[in-house]
Every structure is written in structure tokens, then in C-alpha cells.
């Protein structure tokens, strides 16, 4: 039993986060591109009535990590919906994606 606890402690990863990063960035659009070696996800905040938007964050993943991320996100969405009810898809809501600016795709 003690051996299992020691193994768990050795396998733990100590992750730190700065105050600035902990505040987070709001994004309501993700643009995903890929090459043979990596996936690039740009998170954008598109505001109503503004013709221009900026990328708030860019995450670059290997294909293997992109697949693990997709799996983890799917599992978390399933847990969220089990606790809070089905998330309504924006395509079902019929909101305009232009917000008064250019048409975006995700």
C-alpha cells in the first residue's frame, strides 16, 4: 500500500499558473488549421459591430495531443451535460455569425 502511494507521488505533476494567465481570455470563435506535424488553434473574441477581431491566444499541438485534447473535451462535455442538461448547439439557435462584422467559420 505504501509503495502505491510513493508511486502516485512520483507520477504527480506540479503545475503552476501566473495570476495573469489565471485570469483567462474570453473567446467565442476558434479557428483550427493543421499541417502534417501540428494542429494550430487560434482563439478569437469577435465583438458585435466591429469589423476586426484579434486572436487572443494560439495553441499549437502535435496530432497526438490534439486527439487527446478532443477526447478530454468530449468527456468533459458529457459530464457537464449529465449534471446541467444538454448544451444547445448554436446552429439550432440560428444566431447570425456576423455580429455586424465579417462572416466567420470555425
PDB file of N, CA and C in Angstrom:
ATOM      1  N   UNK A   1       0.826  -1.191   0.000  1.00  0.00           N
ATOM      2  CA  UNK A   1       0.000   0.000   0.000  1.00  0.00           C
ATOM      3  C   UNK A   1       0.873   1.258   0.000  1.00  0.00           C
ATOM      4  N   UNK A   2       1.899   1.279   0.834  1.00  0.00           N
ATOM      5  CA  UNK A   2       2.811   2.410   0.909  1.00  0.00           C
ATOM      6  C   UNK A   2       3.543   2.595  -0.417  1.00  0.00           C
ATOM      7  N   UNK A   3       3.845   1.487  -1.068  1.00  0.00           N
ATOM      8  CA  UNK A   3       4.524   1.533  -2.361  1.00  0.00           C
ATOM      9  C   UNK A   3       3.657   2.218  -3.410  1.00  0.00           C
ATOM     10  N   UNK A   4       2.337   1.942  -3.399  1.00  0.00           N
ATOM     11  CA  UNK A   4       1.406   2.578  -4.333  1.00  0.00           C
ATOM     12  C   UNK A   4       1.359   4.087  -4.118  1.00  0.00           C
ATOM     13  N   UNK A   5       1.369   4.538  -2.859  1.00  0.00           N
ATOM     14  CA  UNK A   5       1.336   5.966  -2.561  1.00  0.00           C
ATOM     15  C   UNK A   5       2.617   6.647  -3.028  1.00  0.00           C
ATOM     16  N   UNK A   6       3.750   5.995  -2.827  1.00  0.00           N
ATOM     17  CA  UNK A   6       5.024   6.550  -3.296  1.00  0.00           C
ATOM     18  C   UNK A   6       5.042   6.666  -4.812  1.00  0.00           C
ATOM     19  N   UNK A   7       4.509   5.662  -5.509  1.00  0.00           N
ATOM     20  CA  UNK A   7       4.448   5.678  -6.972  1.00  0.00           C
ATOM     21  C   UNK A   7       3.560   6.825  -7.453  1.00  0.00           C
ATOM     22  N   UNK A   8       2.405   7.031  -6.784  1.00  0.00           N
ATOM     23  CA  UNK A   8       1.495   8.118  -7.161  1.00  0.00           C
ATOM     24  C   UNK A   8       2.169   9.468  -6.970  1.00  0.00           C
ATOM     25  N   UNK A   9       2.906   9.651  -5.869  1.00  0.00           N
ATOM     26  CA  UNK A   9       3.592  10.908  -5.616  1.00  0.00           C
ATOM     27  C   UNK A   9       4.665  11.165  -6.662  1.00  0.00           C
ATOM     28  N   UNK A  10       5.358  10.131  -7.097  1.00  0.00           N
ATOM     29  CA  UNK A  10       6.388  10.279  -8.120  1.00  0.00           C
ATOM     30  C   UNK A  10       5.785  10.633  -9.468  1.00  0.00           C
ATOM     31  N   UNK A  11       4.551  10.173  -9.732  1.00  0.00           N
ATOM     32  CA  UNK A  11       3.899  10.428 -11.012  1.00  0.00           C
ATOM     33  C   UNK A  11       3.136  11.752 -11.051  1.00  0.00           C
ATOM     34  N   UNK A  12       3.034  12.456  -9.916  1.00  0.00           N
ATOM     35  CA  UNK A  12       2.310  13.725  -9.884  1.00  0.00           C
ATOM     36  C   UNK A  12       3.107  14.812 -10.583  1.00  0.00           C
ATOM     37  N   UNK A  13       2.387  15.689 -11.261  1.00  0.00           N
ATOM     38  CA  UNK A  13       2.991  16.804 -11.973  1.00  0.00           C
ATOM     39  C   UNK A  13       2.617  18.087 -11.256  1.00  0.00           C
ATOM     40  N   UNK A  14       3.600  18.861 -10.873  1.00  0.00           N
ATOM     41  CA  UNK A  14       3.366  20.124 -10.189  1.00  0.00           C
ATOM     42  C   UNK A  14       3.229  21.226 -11.242  1.00  0.00           C
ATOM     43  N   UNK A  15       2.024  21.774 -11.385  1.00  0.00           N
ATOM     44  CA  UNK A  15       1.757  22.782 -12.402  1.00  0.00           C
ATOM     45  C   UNK A  15       1.465  24.110 -11.722  1.00  0.00           C
ATOM     46  N   UNK A  16       2.155  25.161 -12.147  1.00  0.00           N
ATOM     47  CA  UNK A  16       1.943  26.499 -11.610  1.00  0.00           C
ATOM     48  C   UNK A  16       1.284  27.360 -12.676  1.00  0.00           C
ATOM     49  N   UNK A  17       0.530  28.372 -12.230  1.00  0.00           N
ATOM     50  CA  UNK A  17      -0.115  29.299 -13.158  1.00  0.00           C
ATOM     51  C   UNK A  17       0.056  30.712 -12.617  1.00  0.00           C
ATOM     52  N   UNK A  18       0.462  31.631 -13.478  1.00  0.00           N
ATOM     53  CA  UNK A  18       0.628  33.019 -13.052  1.00  0.00           C
ATOM     54  C   UNK A  18      -0.744  33.668 -12.899  1.00  0.00           C
ATOM     55  N   UNK A  19      -0.804  34.766 -12.160  1.00  0.00           N
ATOM     56  CA  UNK A  19      -2.073  35.469 -11.968  1.00  0.00           C
ATOM     57  C   UNK A  19      -2.643  35.943 -13.304  1.00  0.00           C
ATOM     58  N   UNK A  20      -1.769  36.424 -14.168  1.00  0.00           N
ATOM     59  CA  UNK A  20      -2.213  36.937 -15.478  1.00  0.00           C
ATOM     60  C   UNK A  20      -2.867  35.833 -16.312  1.00  0.00           C
ATOM     61  N   UNK A  21      -2.243  34.672 -16.356  1.00  0.00           N
ATOM     62  CA  UNK A  21      -2.795  33.554 -17.120  1.00  0.00           C
ATOM     63  C   UNK A  21      -4.051  33.021 -16.453  1.00  0.00           C
ATOM     64  N   UNK A  22      -4.075  33.020 -15.125  1.00  0.00           N
ATOM     65  CA  UNK A  22      -5.232  32.505 -14.382  1.00  0.00           C
ATOM     66  C   UNK A  22      -6.490  33.323 -14.657  1.00  0.00           C
ATOM     67  N   UNK A  23      -6.342  34.600 -15.016  1.00  0.00           N
ATOM     68  CA  UNK A  23      -7.499  35.434 -15.345  1.00  0.00           C
ATOM     69  C   UNK A  23      -8.199  34.941 -16.603  1.00  0.00           C
ATOM     70  N   UNK A  24      -7.464  34.325 -17.499  1.00  0.00           N
ATOM     71  CA  UNK A  24      -8.041  33.775 -18.722  1.00  0.00           C
ATOM     72  C   UNK A  24      -8.337  34.832 -19.774  1.00  0.00           C
ATOM     73  N   UNK A  25      -8.699  34.363 -20.929  1.00  0.00           N
ATOM     74  CA  UNK A  25      -9.106  35.205 -22.059  1.00  0.00           C
ATOM     75  C   UNK A  25     -10.432  34.679 -22.565  1.00  0.00           C
ATOM     76  N   UNK A  26     -11.377  35.566 -22.832  1.00  0.00           N
ATOM     77  CA  UNK A  26     -12.659  35.158 -23.387  1.00  0.00           C
ATOM     78  C   UNK A  26     -12.519  34.982 -24.897  1.00  0.00           C
ATOM     79  N   UNK A  27     -13.063  33.901 -25.420  1.00  0.00           N
ATOM     80  CA  UNK A  27     -13.082  33.666 -26.863  1.00  0.00           C
ATOM     81  C   UNK A  27     -14.433  33.078 -27.240  1.00  0.00           C
ATOM     82  N   UNK A  28     -14.991  33.550 -28.364  1.00  0.00           N
ATOM     83  CA  UNK A  28     -16.255  32.997 -28.846  1.00  0.00           C
ATOM     84  C   UNK A  28     -16.109  32.448 -30.269  1.00  0.00           C
ATOM     85  N   UNK A  29     -14.871  32.279 -30.698  1.00  0.00           N
ATOM     86  CA  UNK A  29     -14.587  31.697 -32.010  1.00  0.00           C
ATOM     87  C   UNK A  29     -13.237  30.990 -31.947  1.00  0.00           C
ATOM     88  N   UNK A  30     -13.179  29.795 -32.489  1.00  0.00           N
ATOM     89  CA  UNK A  30     -11.916  29.066 -32.596  1.00  0.00           C
ATOM     90  C   UNK A  30     -11.686  28.727 -34.065  1.00  0.00           C
ATOM     91  N   UNK A  31     -10.508  29.048 -34.550  1.00  0.00           N
ATOM     92  CA  UNK A  31     -10.127  28.734 -35.931  1.00  0.00           C
ATOM     93  C   UNK A  31      -9.043  27.666 -35.851  1.00  0.00           C
ATOM     94  N   UNK A  32      -9.304  26.530 -36.480  1.00  0.00           N
ATOM     95  CA  UNK A  32      -8.392  25.393 -36.385  1.00  0.00           C
ATOM     96  C   UNK A  32      -7.788  25.104 -37.753  1.00  0.00           C
ATOM     97  N   UNK A  33      -6.467  25.051 -37.800  1.00  0.00           N
ATOM     98  CA  UNK A  33      -5.753  24.670 -39.020  1.00  0.00           C
ATOM     99  C   UNK A  33      -4.749  23.576 -38.639  1.00  0.00           C
ATOM    100  N   UNK A  34      -4.235  22.901 -39.659  1.00  0.00           N
ATOM    101  CA  UNK A  34      -3.253  21.859 -39.366  1.00  0.00           C
ATOM    102  C   UNK A  34      -2.303  21.648 -40.528  1.00  0.00           C
ATOM    103  N   UNK A  35      -1.150  21.104 -40.192  1.00  0.00           N
ATOM    104  CA  UNK A  35      -0.178  20.639 -41.181  1.00  0.00           C
ATOM    105  C   UNK A  35       0.040  19.156 -40.893  1.00  0.00           C
ATOM    106  N   UNK A  36       1.006  18.555 -41.539  1.00  0.00           N
ATOM    107  CA  UNK A  36       1.275  17.135 -41.262  1.00  0.00           C
ATOM    108  C   UNK A  36       1.858  16.933 -39.860  1.00  0.00           C
ATOM    109  N   UNK A  37       2.396  17.988 -39.248  1.00  0.00           N
ATOM    110  CA  UNK A  37       3.099  17.837 -37.980  1.00  0.00           C
ATOM    111  C   UNK A  37       2.409  18.473 -36.783  1.00  0.00           C
ATOM    112  N   UNK A  38       1.420  19.365 -37.022  1.00  0.00           N
ATOM    113  CA  UNK A  38       0.828  20.064 -35.890  1.00  0.00           C
ATOM    114  C   UNK A  38      -0.565  20.598 -36.194  1.00  0.00           C
ATOM    115  N   UNK A  39      -1.320  20.804 -35.125  1.00  0.00           N
ATOM    116  CA  UNK A  39      -2.618  21.469 -35.183  1.00  0.00           C
ATOM    117  C   UNK A  39      -2.448  22.830 -34.526  1.00  0.00           C
ATOM    118  N   UNK A  40      -3.025  23.865 -35.126  1.00  0.00           N
ATOM    119  CA  UNK A  40      -2.966  25.215 -34.584  1.00  0.00           C
ATOM    120  C   UNK A  40      -4.396  25.660 -34.310  1.00  0.00           C
ATOM    121  N   UNK A  41      -4.655  26.051 -33.059  1.00  0.00           N
ATOM    122  CA  UNK A  41      -5.980  26.545 -32.679  1.00  0.00           C
ATOM    123  C   UNK A  41      -5.829  28.002 -32.268  1.00  0.00           C
ATOM    124  N   UNK A  42      -6.471  28.900 -33.020  1.00  0.00           N
ATOM    125  CA  UNK A  42      -6.497  30.321 -32.688  1.00  0.00           C
ATOM    126  C   UNK A  42      -7.832  30.629 -32.020  1.00  0.00           C
ATOM    127  N   UNK A  43      -7.763  31.187 -30.815  1.00  0.00           N
ATOM    128  CA  UNK A  43      -8.961  31.584 -30.085  1.00  0.00           C
ATOM    129  C   UNK A  43      -9.157  33.080 -30.274  1.00  0.00           C
ATOM    130  N   UNK A  44     -10.369  33.452 -30.746  1.00  0.00           N
ATOM    131  CA  UNK A  44     -10.659  34.832 -31.131  1.00  0.00           C
ATOM    132  C   UNK A  44     -11.869  35.327 -30.341  1.00  0.00           C
ATOM    133  N   UNK A  45     -11.869  36.624 -30.022  1.00  0.00           N
ATOM    134  CA  UNK A  45     -13.019  37.272 -29.399  1.00  0.00           C
ATOM    135  C   UNK A  45     -13.630  38.196 -30.450  1.00  0.00           C
ATOM    136  N   UNK A  46     -14.768  37.778 -31.019  1.00  0.00           N
ATOM    137  CA  UNK A  46     -15.469  38.569 -32.034  1.00  0.00           C
ATOM    138  C   UNK A  46     -16.544  39.378 -31.317  1.00  0.00           C
ATOM    139  N   UNK A  47     -16.478  40.697 -31.431  1.00  0.00           N
ATOM    140  CA  UNK A  47     -17.440  41.576 -30.760  1.00  0.00           C
ATOM    141  C   UNK A  47     -18.454  42.118 -31.768  1.00  0.00           C
ATOM    142  N   UNK A  48     -19.706  42.269 -31.338  1.00  0.00           N
ATOM    143  CA  UNK A  48     -20.748  42.793 -32.231  1.00  0.00           C
ATOM    144  C   UNK A  48     -20.392  44.170 -32.768  1.00  0.00           C
ATOM    145  N   UNK A  49     -20.646  44.361 -34.054  1.00  0.00           N
ATOM    146  CA  UNK A  49     -20.460  45.665 -34.682  1.00  0.00           C
ATOM    147  C   UNK A  49     -19.026  46.053 -34.985  1.00  0.00           C
ATOM    148  N   UNK A  50     -18.080  45.180 -34.695  1.00  0.00           N
ATOM    149  CA  UNK A  50     -16.688  45.514 -35.005  1.00  0.00           C
ATOM    150  C   UNK A  50     -16.235  44.698 -36.207  1.00  0.00           C
ATOM    151  N   UNK A  51     -15.670  45.373 -37.201  1.00  0.00           N
ATOM    152  CA  UNK A  51     -15.270  44.660 -38.419  1.00  0.00           C
ATOM    153  C   UNK A  51     -13.965  43.874 -38.269  1.00  0.00           C
ATOM    154  N   UNK A  52     -13.250  44.088 -37.172  1.00  0.00           N
ATOM    155  CA  UNK A  52     -11.948  43.467 -36.996  1.00  0.00           C
ATOM    156  C   UNK A  52     -11.875  42.803 -35.624  1.00  0.00           C
ATOM    157  N   UNK A  53     -11.259  41.628 -35.571  1.00  0.00           N
ATOM    158  CA  UNK A  53     -11.079  40.921 -34.308  1.00  0.00           C
ATOM    159  C   UNK A  53      -9.641  40.455 -34.206  1.00  0.00           C
ATOM    160  N   UNK A  54      -9.177  40.252 -32.970  1.00  0.00           N
ATOM    161  CA  UNK A  54      -7.804  39.816 -32.740  1.00  0.00           C
ATOM    162  C   UNK A  54      -7.776  38.411 -32.155  1.00  0.00           C
ATOM    163  N   UNK A  55      -6.747  37.674 -32.520  1.00  0.00           N
ATOM    164  CA  UNK A  55      -6.505  36.378 -31.899  1.00  0.00           C
ATOM    165  C   UNK A  55      -6.061  36.656 -30.465  1.00  0.00           C
ATOM    166  N   UNK A  56      -6.750  36.059 -29.499  1.00  0.00           N
ATOM    167  CA  UNK A  56      -6.428  36.242 -28.089  1.00  0.00           C
ATOM    168  C   UNK A  56      -5.399  35.238 -27.606  1.00  0.00           C
ATOM    169  N   UNK A  57      -5.407  34.049 -28.226  1.00  0.00           N
ATOM    170  CA  UNK A  57      -4.472  33.017 -27.827  1.00  0.00           C
ATOM    171  C   UNK A  57      -4.303  32.023 -28.967  1.00  0.00           C
ATOM    172  N   UNK A  58      -3.105  31.509 -29.120  1.00  0.00           N
ATOM    173  CA  UNK A  58      -2.827  30.475 -30.124  1.00  0.00           C
ATOM    174  C   UNK A  58      -2.201  29.285 -29.410  1.00  0.00           C
ATOM    175  N   UNK A  59      -2.781  28.117 -29.636  1.00  0.00           N
ATOM    176  CA  UNK A  59      -2.266  26.886 -29.047  1.00  0.00           C
ATOM    177  C   UNK A  59      -1.820  25.979 -30.194  1.00  0.00           C
ATOM    178  N   UNK A  60      -0.613  25.457 -30.080  1.00  0.00           N
ATOM    179  CA  UNK A  60      -0.059  24.570 -31.105  1.00  0.00           C
ATOM    180  C   UNK A  60       0.126  23.191 -30.471  1.00  0.00           C
ATOM    181  N   UNK A  61      -0.464  22.174 -31.107  1.00  0.00           N
ATOM    182  CA  UNK A  61      -0.447  20.810 -30.577  1.00  0.00           C
ATOM    183  C   UNK A  61       0.086  19.825 -31.611  1.00  0.00           C
ATOM    184  N   UNK A  62       0.713  18.766 -31.133  1.00  0.00           N
ATOM    185  CA  UNK A  62       1.039  17.662 -32.030  1.00  0.00           C
ATOM    186  C   UNK A  62      -0.271  16.961 -32.381  1.00  0.00           C
ATOM    187  N   UNK A  63      -0.327  16.201 -33.467  1.00  0.00           N
ATOM    188  CA  UNK A  63      -1.555  15.462 -33.786  1.00  0.00           C
ATOM    189  C   UNK A  63      -2.003  14.544 -32.639  1.00  0.00           C
ATOM    190  N   UNK A  64      -1.050  13.912 -31.958  1.00  0.00           N
ATOM    191  CA  UNK A  64      -1.394  13.021 -30.850  1.00  0.00           C
ATOM    192  C   UNK A  64      -2.028  13.805 -29.698  1.00  0.00           C
ATOM    193  N   UNK A  65      -1.467  14.971 -29.377  1.00  0.00           N
ATOM    194  CA  UNK A  65      -2.031  15.780 -28.298  1.00  0.00           C
ATOM    195  C   UNK A  65      -3.366  16.395 -28.708  1.00  0.00           C
ATOM    196  N   UNK A  66      -3.531  16.720 -29.982  1.00  0.00           N
ATOM    197  CA  UNK A  66      -4.813  17.249 -30.455  1.00  0.00           C
ATOM    198  C   UNK A  66      -5.910  16.203 -30.268  1.00  0.00           C
ATOM    199  N   UNK A  67      -5.584  14.955 -30.571  1.00  0.00           N
ATOM    200  CA  UNK A  67      -6.567  13.881 -30.403  1.00  0.00           C
ATOM    201  C   UNK A  67      -6.884  13.655 -28.933  1.00  0.00           C
ATOM    202  N   UNK A  68      -5.871  13.698 -28.067  1.00  0.00           N
ATOM    203  CA  UNK A  68      -6.101  13.560 -26.626  1.00  0.00           C
ATOM    204  C   UNK A  68      -6.937  14.724 -26.101  1.00  0.00           C
ATOM    205  N   UNK A  69      -6.687  15.933 -26.618  1.00  0.00           N
ATOM    206  CA  UNK A  69      -7.457  17.112 -26.214  1.00  0.00           C
ATOM    207  C   UNK A  69      -8.922  16.944 -26.618  1.00  0.00           C
ATOM    208  N   UNK A  70      -9.152  16.472 -27.840  1.00  0.00           N
ATOM    209  CA  UNK A  70     -10.519  16.255 -28.316  1.00  0.00           C
ATOM    210  C   UNK A  70     -11.243  15.238 -27.429  1.00  0.00           C
ATOM    211  N   UNK A  71     -10.553  14.175 -27.074  1.00  0.00           N
ATOM    212  CA  UNK A  71     -11.145  13.137 -26.226  1.00  0.00           C
ATOM    213  C   UNK A  71     -11.472  13.695 -24.835  1.00  0.00           C
ATOM    214  N   UNK A  72     -10.544  14.456 -24.260  1.00  0.00           N
ATOM    215  CA  UNK A  72     -10.759  15.037 -22.929  1.00  0.00           C
ATOM    216  C   UNK A  72     -11.902  16.054 -22.962  1.00  0.00           C
ATOM    217  N   UNK A  73     -11.979  16.852 -24.017  1.00  0.00           N
ATOM    218  CA  UNK A  73     -13.059  17.836 -24.137  1.00  0.00           C
ATOM    219  C   UNK A  73     -14.405  17.133 -24.288  1.00  0.00           C
ATOM    220  N   UNK A  74     -14.454  16.079 -25.083  1.00  0.00           N
ATOM    221  CA  UNK A  74     -15.691  15.303 -25.262  1.00  0.00           C
ATOM    222  C   UNK A  74     -16.158  14.716 -23.934  1.00  0.00           C
ATOM    223  N   UNK A  75     -15.226  14.141 -23.179  1.00  0.00           N
ATOM    224  CA  UNK A  75     -15.576  13.558 -21.880  1.00  0.00           C
ATOM    225  C   UNK A  75     -16.098  14.628 -20.919  1.00  0.00           C
ATOM    226  N   UNK A  76     -15.466  15.800 -20.919  1.00  0.00           N
ATOM    227  CA  UNK A  76     -15.892  16.877 -20.027  1.00  0.00           C
ATOM    228  C   UNK A  76     -17.247  17.445 -20.426  1.00  0.00           C
ATOM    229  N   UNK A  77     -17.522  17.527 -21.710  1.00  0.00           N
ATOM    230  CA  UNK A  77     -18.842  17.988 -22.171  1.00  0.00           C
ATOM    231  C   UNK A  77     -19.912  16.989 -21.752  1.00  0.00           C
ATOM    232  N   UNK A  78     -19.625  15.703 -21.878  1.00  0.00           N
ATOM    233  CA  UNK A  78     -20.586  14.679 -21.450  1.00  0.00           C
ATOM    234  C   UNK A  78     -20.882  14.795 -19.961  1.00  0.00           C
ATOM    235  N   UNK A  79     -19.844  15.006 -19.134  1.00  0.00           N
ATOM    236  CA  UNK A  79     -20.039  15.174 -17.686  1.00  0.00           C
ATOM    237  C   UNK A  79     -20.835  16.444 -17.376  1.00  0.00           C
ATOM    238  N   UNK A  80     -20.522  17.535 -18.099  1.00  0.00           N
ATOM    239  CA  UNK A  80     -21.248  18.798 -17.903  1.00  0.00           C
ATOM    240  C   UNK A  80     -22.722  18.620 -18.222  1.00  0.00           C
ATOM    241  N   UNK A  81     -23.022  17.987 -19.363  1.00  0.00           N
ATOM    242  CA  UNK A  81     -24.414  17.794 -19.765  1.00  0.00           C
ATOM    243  C   UNK A  81     -25.151  16.843 -18.817  1.00  0.00           C
ATOM    244  N   UNK A  82     -24.458  15.861 -18.281  1.00  0.00           N
ATOM    245  CA  UNK A  82     -25.089  14.953 -17.309  1.00  0.00           C
ATOM    246  C   UNK A  82     -25.501  15.720 -16.055  1.00  0.00           C
ATOM    247  N   UNK A  83     -24.720  16.710 -15.667  1.00  0.00           N
ATOM    248  CA  UNK A  83     -25.013  17.490 -14.462  1.00  0.00           C
ATOM    249  C   UNK A  83     -25.933  18.683 -14.723  1.00  0.00           C
ATOM    250  N   UNK A  84     -25.855  19.280 -15.923  1.00  0.00           N
ATOM    251  CA  UNK A  84     -26.539  20.547 -16.181  1.00  0.00           C
ATOM    252  C   UNK A  84     -27.554  20.529 -17.315  1.00  0.00           C
ATOM    253  N   UNK A  85     -27.683  19.430 -18.013  1.00  0.00           N
ATOM    254  CA  UNK A  85     -28.582  19.362 -19.158  1.00  0.00           C
ATOM    255  C   UNK A  85     -27.847  19.615 -20.463  1.00  0.00           C
ATOM    256  N   UNK A  86     -28.518  19.288 -21.552  1.00  0.00           N
ATOM    257  CA  UNK A  86     -27.924  19.367 -22.887  1.00  0.00           C
ATOM    258  C   UNK A  86     -27.553  20.801 -23.241  1.00  0.00           C
ATOM    259  N   UNK A  87     -26.368  20.963 -23.793  1.00  0.00           N
ATOM    260  CA  UNK A  87     -25.932  22.263 -24.303  1.00  0.00           C
ATOM    261  C   UNK A  87     -26.576  22.436 -25.676  1.00  0.00           C
ATOM    262  N   UNK A  88     -27.294  23.534 -25.856  1.00  0.00           N
ATOM    263  CA  UNK A  88     -27.947  23.769 -27.145  1.00  0.00           C
ATOM    264  C   UNK A  88     -26.909  24.251 -28.151  1.00  0.00           C
ATOM    265  N   UNK A  89     -26.865  23.608 -29.291  1.00  0.00           N
ATOM    266  CA  UNK A  89     -25.928  23.950 -30.346  1.00  0.00           C
ATOM    267  C   UNK A  89     -26.322  25.283 -30.965  1.00  0.00           C
ATOM    268  N   UNK A  90     -25.346  26.152 -31.205  1.00  0.00           N
ATOM    269  CA  UNK A  90     -25.635  27.460 -31.803  1.00  0.00           C
ATOM    270  C   UNK A  90     -26.304  27.340 -33.170  1.00  0.00           C
ATOM    271  N   UNK A  91     -26.022  26.249 -33.887  1.00  0.00           N
ATOM    272  CA  UNK A  91     -26.653  26.054 -35.193  1.00  0.00           C
ATOM    273  C   UNK A  91     -28.156  25.884 -35.040  1.00  0.00           C
ATOM    274  N   UNK A  92     -28.599  25.332 -33.903  1.00  0.00           N
ATOM    275  CA  UNK A  92     -30.024  25.168 -33.629  1.00  0.00           C
ATOM    276  C   UNK A  92     -30.681  26.484 -33.231  1.00  0.00           C
ATOM    277  N   UNK A  93     -29.895  27.413 -32.673  1.00  0.00           N
ATOM    278  CA  UNK A  93     -30.414  28.686 -32.171  1.00  0.00           C
ATOM    279  C   UNK A  93     -30.614  29.688 -33.296  1.00  0.00           C
ATOM    280  N   UNK A  94     -29.893  29.556 -34.393  1.00  0.00           N
ATOM    281  CA  UNK A  94     -29.981  30.447 -35.552  1.00  0.00           C
ATOM    282  C   UNK A  94     -29.517  31.869 -35.241  1.00  0.00           C
ATOM    283  N   UNK A  95     -28.399  32.014 -34.527  1.00  0.00           N
ATOM    284  CA  UNK A  95     -27.812  33.330 -34.297  1.00  0.00           C
ATOM    285  C   UNK A  95     -26.989  33.724 -35.514  1.00  0.00           C
ATOM    286  N   UNK A  96     -26.997  34.994 -35.891  1.00  0.00           N
ATOM    287  CA  UNK A  96     -26.133  35.400 -37.010  1.00  0.00           C
ATOM    288  C   UNK A  96     -24.673  35.348 -36.582  1.00  0.00           C
ATOM    289  N   UNK A  97     -23.815  34.727 -37.384  1.00  0.00           N
ATOM    290  CA  UNK A  97     -22.396  34.615 -37.042  1.00  0.00           C
ATOM    291  C   UNK A  97     -21.623  35.888 -37.401  1.00  0.00           C
ATOM    292  N   UNK A  98     -22.267  36.852 -38.023  1.00  0.00           N
ATOM    293  CA  UNK A  98     -21.549  38.044 -38.455  1.00  0.00           C
ATOM    294  C   UNK A  98     -21.374  39.051 -37.330  1.00  0.00           C
ATOM    295  N   UNK A  99     -22.281  39.107 -36.357  1.00  0.00           N
ATOM    296  CA  UNK A  99     -22.215  40.078 -35.274  1.00  0.00           C
ATOM    297  C   UNK A  99     -22.003  41.492 -35.816  1.00  0.00           C
ATOM    298  N   UNK A 100     -22.476  41.747 -37.039  1.00  0.00           N
ATOM    299  CA  UNK A 100     -22.289  43.062 -37.622  1.00  0.00           C
ATOM    300  C   UNK A 100     -20.962  43.226 -38.317  1.00  0.00           C
ATOM    301  N   UNK A 101     -20.154  42.193 -38.340  1.00  0.00           N
ATOM    302  CA  UNK A 101     -18.835  42.243 -38.970  1.00  0.00           C
ATOM    303  C   UNK A 101     -18.736  41.175 -40.039  1.00  0.00           C
ATOM    304  N   UNK A 102     -17.519  40.760 -40.374  1.00  0.00           N
ATOM    305  CA  UNK A 102     -17.333  39.755 -41.424  1.00  0.00           C
ATOM    306  C   UNK A 102     -17.826  38.378 -40.987  1.00  0.00           C
ATOM    307  N   UNK A 103     -18.206  37.552 -41.944  1.00  0.00           N
ATOM    308  CA  UNK A 103     -18.655  36.203 -41.657  1.00  0.00           C
ATOM    309  C   UNK A 103     -17.453  35.342 -41.264  1.00  0.00           C
ATOM    310  N   UNK A 104     -17.599  34.583 -40.186  1.00  0.00           N
ATOM    311  CA  UNK A 104     -16.510  33.741 -39.692  1.00  0.00           C
ATOM    312  C   UNK A 104     -16.903  32.279 -39.799  1.00  0.00           C
ATOM    313  N   UNK A 105     -15.898  31.416 -39.848  1.00  0.00           N
ATOM    314  CA  UNK A 105     -16.137  29.983 -39.877  1.00  0.00           C
ATOM    315  C   UNK A 105     -15.257  29.332 -38.837  1.00  0.00           C
ATOM    316  N   UNK A 106     -15.761  28.244 -38.268  1.00  0.00           N
ATOM    317  CA  UNK A 106     -14.957  27.510 -37.289  1.00  0.00           C
ATOM    318  C   UNK A 106     -14.901  26.054 -37.667  1.00  0.00           C
TER     319      UNK A 106
END
